[in-house]
């Protein structure tokens, strides 16, 4: 069975939240072993969590991702608004549409 790999991006705050949550789960998994459960499942869970914590902990920033915020134009109100203007028609359009 092939293992799929995934890539995610997160900021520093998200990294801290992920690590805190993983550390709590790892502490619980180690607690189960400390209480005497040396089953393969318990040991495997603690080891997997340990690897994931280290993987997240050792990630380094790959640069700053700049996100462009969309420019929102203010609506035009008053006589300058397009809805209040007379439609402009090109002289050629008028001449082309004259009856013959």
Protein backbone atom coordinates (compact mmCIF):
# COMPACT_ATOMS: atom_id res chain seq x y z
CA UNK A 1 0.00 0.00 0.00
CA UNK A 2 1.42 3.40 -1.02
CA UNK A 3 1.30 6.26 1.43
CA UNK A 4 0.05 9.52 0.00
CA UNK A 5 1.89 12.68 0.97
CA UNK A 6 0.36 16.09 1.53
CA UNK A 7 1.65 19.64 1.60
CA UNK A 8 0.13 22.37 3.73
CA UNK A 9 1.01 26.00 4.42
CA UNK A 10 0.51 27.63 7.77
CA UNK A 11 1.59 30.77 9.54
CA UNK A 12 3.56 30.97 12.81
CA UNK A 13 0.45 31.19 14.99
CA UNK A 14 -1.10 28.15 13.33
CA UNK A 15 2.16 26.25 13.80
CA UNK A 16 2.05 27.01 17.53
CA UNK A 17 -1.58 25.83 17.79
CA UNK A 18 -0.84 22.62 15.87
CA UNK A 19 2.22 21.89 18.04
CA UNK A 20 0.32 22.55 21.27
CA UNK A 21 -2.48 20.20 20.24
CA UNK A 22 -0.06 17.49 19.10
CA UNK A 23 1.97 17.82 22.31
CA UNK A 24 -1.19 17.32 24.37
CA UNK A 25 -2.07 14.18 22.38
CA UNK A 26 1.53 12.94 22.69
CA UNK A 27 1.50 13.51 26.45
CA UNK A 28 -1.72 11.48 26.72
CA UNK A 29 -0.25 8.69 24.58
CA UNK A 30 2.87 8.56 26.77
CA UNK A 31 0.66 8.57 29.87
CA UNK A 32 -1.02 5.37 28.67
CA UNK A 33 2.38 3.70 28.41
CA UNK A 34 3.50 5.05 31.80
CA UNK A 35 0.34 3.53 33.31
CA UNK A 36 1.46 0.12 32.05
CA UNK A 37 -0.07 -0.34 28.59
CA UNK A 38 2.86 -1.57 26.49
CA UNK A 39 0.68 -2.84 23.67
CA UNK A 40 1.87 -2.40 20.10
CA UNK A 41 -0.99 -0.01 19.47
CA UNK A 42 -0.10 2.23 22.43
CA UNK A 43 3.62 2.30 21.63
CA UNK A 44 2.98 2.87 17.91
CA UNK A 45 0.61 5.77 18.65
CA UNK A 46 3.14 7.47 20.95
CA UNK A 47 5.93 7.02 18.40
CA UNK A 48 3.84 8.30 15.48
CA UNK A 49 2.80 11.37 17.45
CA UNK A 50 6.43 11.95 18.40
CA UNK A 51 7.45 11.90 14.73
CA UNK A 52 4.66 14.26 13.70
CA UNK A 53 5.54 16.70 16.49
CA UNK A 54 9.20 16.71 15.41
CA UNK A 55 8.21 17.15 11.76
CA UNK A 56 6.06 20.20 12.51
CA UNK A 57 8.54 21.58 15.04
CA UNK A 58 11.45 21.52 12.60
CA UNK A 59 9.62 23.18 9.71
CA UNK A 60 11.22 26.39 8.55
CA UNK A 61 9.64 29.29 6.75
CA UNK A 62 10.15 29.27 3.00
CA UNK A 63 9.79 33.02 2.67
CA UNK A 64 6.97 35.41 3.13
CA UNK A 65 3.84 34.84 1.11
CA UNK A 66 2.39 38.20 0.15
CA UNK A 67 -1.32 38.16 -0.41
CA UNK A 68 -2.70 40.98 -2.50
CA UNK A 69 -5.92 42.32 -1.12
CA UNK A 70 -8.52 43.15 -3.74
CA UNK A 71 -9.01 46.83 -4.47
CA UNK A 72 -12.56 47.82 -3.69
CA UNK A 73 -13.66 50.97 -5.45
CA UNK A 74 -16.03 53.27 -3.64
CA UNK A 75 -19.39 53.59 -5.34
CA UNK A 76 -19.98 56.83 -7.24
CA UNK A 77 -22.99 58.73 -5.93
CA UNK A 78 -24.65 61.86 -7.25
CA UNK A 79 -24.59 63.44 -10.68
CA UNK A 80 -21.24 61.75 -11.44
CA UNK A 81 -22.78 58.28 -11.16
CA UNK A 82 -23.19 56.42 -14.44
CA UNK A 83 -26.89 55.86 -13.84
CA UNK A 84 -27.49 59.60 -13.79
CA UNK A 85 -25.68 60.37 -17.06
CA UNK A 86 -27.18 60.59 -20.47
CA UNK A 87 -25.95 57.69 -22.58
CA UNK A 88 -23.21 58.72 -24.97
CA UNK A 89 -23.68 57.65 -28.53
CA UNK A 90 -20.97 57.89 -31.15
CA UNK A 91 -21.72 60.13 -34.16
CA UNK A 92 -21.03 57.19 -36.47
CA UNK A 93 -23.71 55.10 -34.76
CA UNK A 94 -26.30 57.82 -35.33
CA UNK A 95 -25.37 58.24 -38.98
CA UNK A 96 -25.40 54.49 -39.58
CA UNK A 97 -28.92 54.17 -38.16
CA UNK A 98 -30.59 57.01 -40.12
CA UNK A 99 -33.44 55.99 -42.41
CA UNK A 100 -32.58 56.12 -46.08
